[in-house]
N, C-alpha and C. Protein backbone atom coordinates (compact mmCIF):
# COMPACT_ATOMS: atom_id res chain seq x y z
N MET A 1 262.93 51.39 103.45
CA MET A 1 261.63 51.26 104.43
C MET A 1 260.97 52.60 104.17
N TYR A 2 259.49 52.40 104.70
CA TYR A 2 258.72 53.35 104.69
C TYR A 2 257.82 53.08 106.15
N LEU A 3 257.24 54.42 106.48
CA LEU A 3 256.37 55.23 107.86
C LEU A 3 255.43 55.45 107.54
N ALA A 4 254.60 54.46 107.90
CA ALA A 4 252.88 54.96 108.20
C ALA A 4 252.28 55.69 109.38
N ASP A 5 251.96 56.43 108.99
CA ASP A 5 251.02 57.32 110.34
C ASP A 5 249.87 56.93 110.49
N LEU A 6 249.56 56.39 111.31
CA LEU A 6 248.25 55.80 111.57
C LEU A 6 246.90 56.41 112.06
N GLU A 7 247.51 57.78 112.12
CA GLU A 7 247.08 58.85 112.76
C GLU A 7 246.42 59.94 111.96
N ASN A 8 247.41 60.39 110.88
CA ASN A 8 246.87 60.80 109.88
C ASN A 8 246.90 60.32 108.41
N LEU A 9 247.02 58.95 108.62
CA LEU A 9 247.08 58.14 107.11
C LEU A 9 247.83 58.79 106.19
N ILE A 10 249.05 58.87 106.61
CA ILE A 10 250.55 59.49 105.20
C ILE A 10 251.36 58.33 105.91
N ILE A 11 251.94 57.89 104.31
CA ILE A 11 253.35 57.52 104.08
C ILE A 11 254.30 57.89 103.98
N HIS A 12 255.65 57.64 104.40
CA HIS A 12 256.81 58.47 104.68
C HIS A 12 257.84 57.40 104.13
N ASP A 13 258.51 58.05 103.10
CA ASP A 13 259.65 57.43 102.63
C ASP A 13 260.84 57.62 103.51
N MET A 14 261.25 56.77 104.07
CA MET A 14 262.39 57.14 105.01
C MET A 14 264.06 56.91 104.73
N SER A 15 264.16 56.90 103.13
CA SER A 15 265.13 56.98 102.77
C SER A 15 265.52 58.59 101.91
N PHE A 16 264.23 59.04 102.27
CA PHE A 16 264.18 60.89 101.61
C PHE A 16 263.64 61.47 102.38
N VAL A 17 263.70 61.48 103.67
CA VAL A 17 263.09 62.38 104.67
C VAL A 17 263.20 63.44 104.69
N ARG A 18 262.69 64.74 104.52
CA ARG A 18 262.61 66.11 104.92
C ARG A 18 261.97 66.70 106.46
N TYR A 19 262.70 67.65 106.34
CA TYR A 19 262.46 68.64 107.59
C TYR A 19 260.94 68.93 107.65
N GLU A 20 260.11 68.74 106.55
CA GLU A 20 258.68 69.48 106.69
C GLU A 20 257.73 68.04 107.18
N CYS A 21 258.28 66.98 107.18
CA CYS A 21 257.84 65.81 107.50
C CYS A 21 257.25 65.27 108.66
N ASN A 22 257.94 66.11 109.82
CA ASN A 22 257.75 66.17 111.10
C ASN A 22 257.68 64.53 111.50
N ILE A 23 258.67 63.52 111.38
CA ILE A 23 258.54 62.80 111.84
C ILE A 23 258.65 62.19 113.10
N LYS A 24 259.57 63.05 113.98
CA LYS A 24 259.49 62.87 115.16
C LYS A 24 258.35 63.20 116.14
N SER A 25 257.40 64.02 115.28
CA SER A 25 256.23 64.41 116.10
C SER A 25 254.83 63.28 116.06
N ILE A 26 255.43 62.08 115.56
CA ILE A 26 254.32 61.00 115.15
C ILE A 26 254.53 60.42 116.49
N PRO A 27 253.70 59.76 117.10
CA PRO A 27 253.43 59.10 118.90
C PRO A 27 254.12 57.97 118.23
N PRO A 28 255.23 57.19 119.48
CA PRO A 28 255.44 55.92 118.94
C PRO A 28 254.14 54.53 118.71
N ASP A 29 253.25 54.83 119.07
CA ASP A 29 252.03 53.77 119.24
C ASP A 29 251.29 54.24 117.75
N LYS A 30 251.60 55.11 117.10
CA LYS A 30 250.94 55.25 115.95
C LYS A 30 251.57 54.88 114.43
N ARG A 31 252.67 54.47 114.69
CA ARG A 31 253.88 54.20 113.44
C ARG A 31 253.41 52.66 113.41
N LYS A 32 253.75 52.78 112.06
CA LYS A 32 253.77 51.27 111.75
C LYS A 32 254.94 50.91 110.02
N LYS A 33 255.91 50.04 110.00
CA LYS A 33 256.90 50.25 109.37
C LYS A 33 256.32 49.32 108.30
N ILE A 34 256.69 49.79 107.05
CA ILE A 34 256.54 49.16 105.84
C ILE A 34 257.60 48.68 105.02
N TYR A 35 257.99 47.68 104.62
CA TYR A 35 259.27 47.15 104.18
C TYR A 35 259.16 47.05 102.43
N SER A 36 258.06 47.18 102.01
CA SER A 36 257.88 47.05 100.27
C SER A 36 257.46 48.30 99.72
N ILE A 37 257.61 48.14 98.46
CA ILE A 37 257.04 49.45 97.88
C ILE A 37 255.78 49.02 97.34
N GLN A 38 255.55 47.35 97.10
CA GLN A 38 254.34 46.72 96.70
C GLN A 38 253.26 47.33 97.63
N THR A 39 253.62 47.07 99.13
CA THR A 39 252.44 47.45 100.07
C THR A 39 252.25 49.14 100.25
N VAL A 40 252.89 49.69 99.72
CA VAL A 40 252.60 51.34 99.94
C VAL A 40 251.67 51.63 98.39
N LYS A 41 251.91 50.84 97.35
CA LYS A 41 250.89 51.12 96.26
C LYS A 41 249.60 50.77 96.41
N ARG A 42 249.82 49.46 97.66
CA ARG A 42 248.27 49.19 97.49
C ARG A 42 247.34 49.61 98.98
N MET A 43 248.17 50.31 99.54
CA MET A 43 247.77 51.01 100.74
C MET A 43 247.40 52.36 100.10
N VAL A 44 247.95 53.10 98.92
CA VAL A 44 247.44 53.96 98.45
C VAL A 44 246.63 54.04 97.44
N ASP A 45 246.28 52.82 97.09
CA ASP A 45 245.08 52.53 96.29
C ASP A 45 243.99 53.11 96.46
N THR A 46 243.07 53.50 95.80
CA THR A 46 241.42 53.82 96.42
C THR A 46 240.61 52.92 97.14
N SER A 47 240.97 51.54 96.40
CA SER A 47 240.01 50.61 97.04
C SER A 47 240.56 50.07 98.29
N HIS A 48 241.52 50.70 99.23
CA HIS A 48 242.17 50.33 100.42
C HIS A 48 241.30 51.20 101.48
N VAL A 49 241.08 50.30 102.41
CA VAL A 49 240.35 51.08 103.47
C VAL A 49 241.03 50.84 104.64
N PRO A 50 241.75 51.50 105.43
CA PRO A 50 241.27 53.00 105.48
C PRO A 50 242.61 53.53 104.44
N ARG A 51 242.14 54.43 103.62
CA ARG A 51 243.03 55.16 102.43
C ARG A 51 244.33 56.16 102.71
N PHE A 52 245.35 55.74 102.58
CA PHE A 52 246.33 56.45 102.95
C PHE A 52 246.65 57.19 102.12
N ASN A 53 247.75 58.08 102.27
CA ASN A 53 248.22 59.11 101.50
C ASN A 53 249.76 59.02 101.05
N GLY A 54 250.32 59.31 100.34
CA GLY A 54 251.41 59.44 100.49
C GLY A 54 251.95 61.20 100.81
N CYS A 55 253.16 61.09 101.33
CA CYS A 55 253.49 62.40 102.22
C CYS A 55 253.82 63.53 100.78
N PRO A 56 253.21 64.61 101.20
CA PRO A 56 253.77 65.59 99.74
C PRO A 56 255.19 66.40 99.90
N TYR A 57 256.06 65.88 100.88
CA TYR A 57 257.06 66.34 100.83
C TYR A 57 258.25 64.83 100.32
N CYS A 58 258.07 63.71 100.83
CA CYS A 58 259.09 62.97 100.73
C CYS A 58 258.64 61.78 99.82
N MET A 59 257.09 61.49 99.39
CA MET A 59 256.53 60.85 98.84
C MET A 59 255.37 61.36 97.39
N SER A 60 255.90 62.07 97.02
CA SER A 60 255.38 63.28 96.27
C SER A 60 254.40 62.59 94.80
N GLU A 61 255.37 61.71 94.50
CA GLU A 61 254.47 60.78 93.17
C GLU A 61 253.39 60.17 93.43
N TYR A 62 253.03 59.57 95.13
CA TYR A 62 252.14 59.30 95.68
C TYR A 62 251.29 60.23 96.48
N HIS A 63 251.32 61.41 96.53
CA HIS A 63 250.62 62.24 97.20
C HIS A 63 249.37 62.42 96.33
N THR A 64 248.09 62.75 96.67
CA THR A 64 246.82 63.11 96.01
C THR A 64 246.18 64.04 96.65
N PHE A 65 245.82 65.11 96.07
CA PHE A 65 245.34 66.29 96.29
C PHE A 65 244.27 65.98 95.96
N ASP A 66 243.05 66.43 97.29
CA ASP A 66 241.78 66.53 97.10
C ASP A 66 241.29 68.22 96.80
N PHE A 67 240.98 68.22 95.28
CA PHE A 67 240.68 69.88 95.08
C PHE A 67 239.27 70.39 95.58
N THR A 68 238.47 69.40 95.93
CA THR A 68 237.52 69.38 96.57
C THR A 68 237.19 70.58 98.00
N THR A 69 238.45 70.51 98.51
CA THR A 69 238.78 70.94 100.03
C THR A 69 238.73 72.72 99.63
N LEU A 70 239.67 72.70 98.76
CA LEU A 70 239.57 74.35 98.11
C LEU A 70 237.92 75.45 98.49
N PHE A 71 237.10 74.80 97.82
CA PHE A 71 236.24 75.52 97.85
C PHE A 71 235.22 75.08 99.09
N ARG A 72 235.58 74.82 99.96
CA ARG A 72 234.79 74.58 101.39
C ARG A 72 234.42 75.97 102.43
C-alpha cells in the first residue's frame, strides 16, 4: 500500500517507511491511500495534474529532483 500526501504532493511506500518520511506529521484529511503500483506510476508521470513525486527516502526510484532550484 502507498500513501499520498495531498498537501506536499509526495507518495510514500508504506512497506518501506523510514523515520525521515515523517508520516505522522501528515494531517489525516490530507492523506490518500493508493493500493497499486500502476496508480503510483500514473501519478508520478509528468503529464498527471497535479504532479506527484516519490519520497526520496522510501521511494527513491520515483523521486525526481529539480536541479533548477539549486540556482535560485
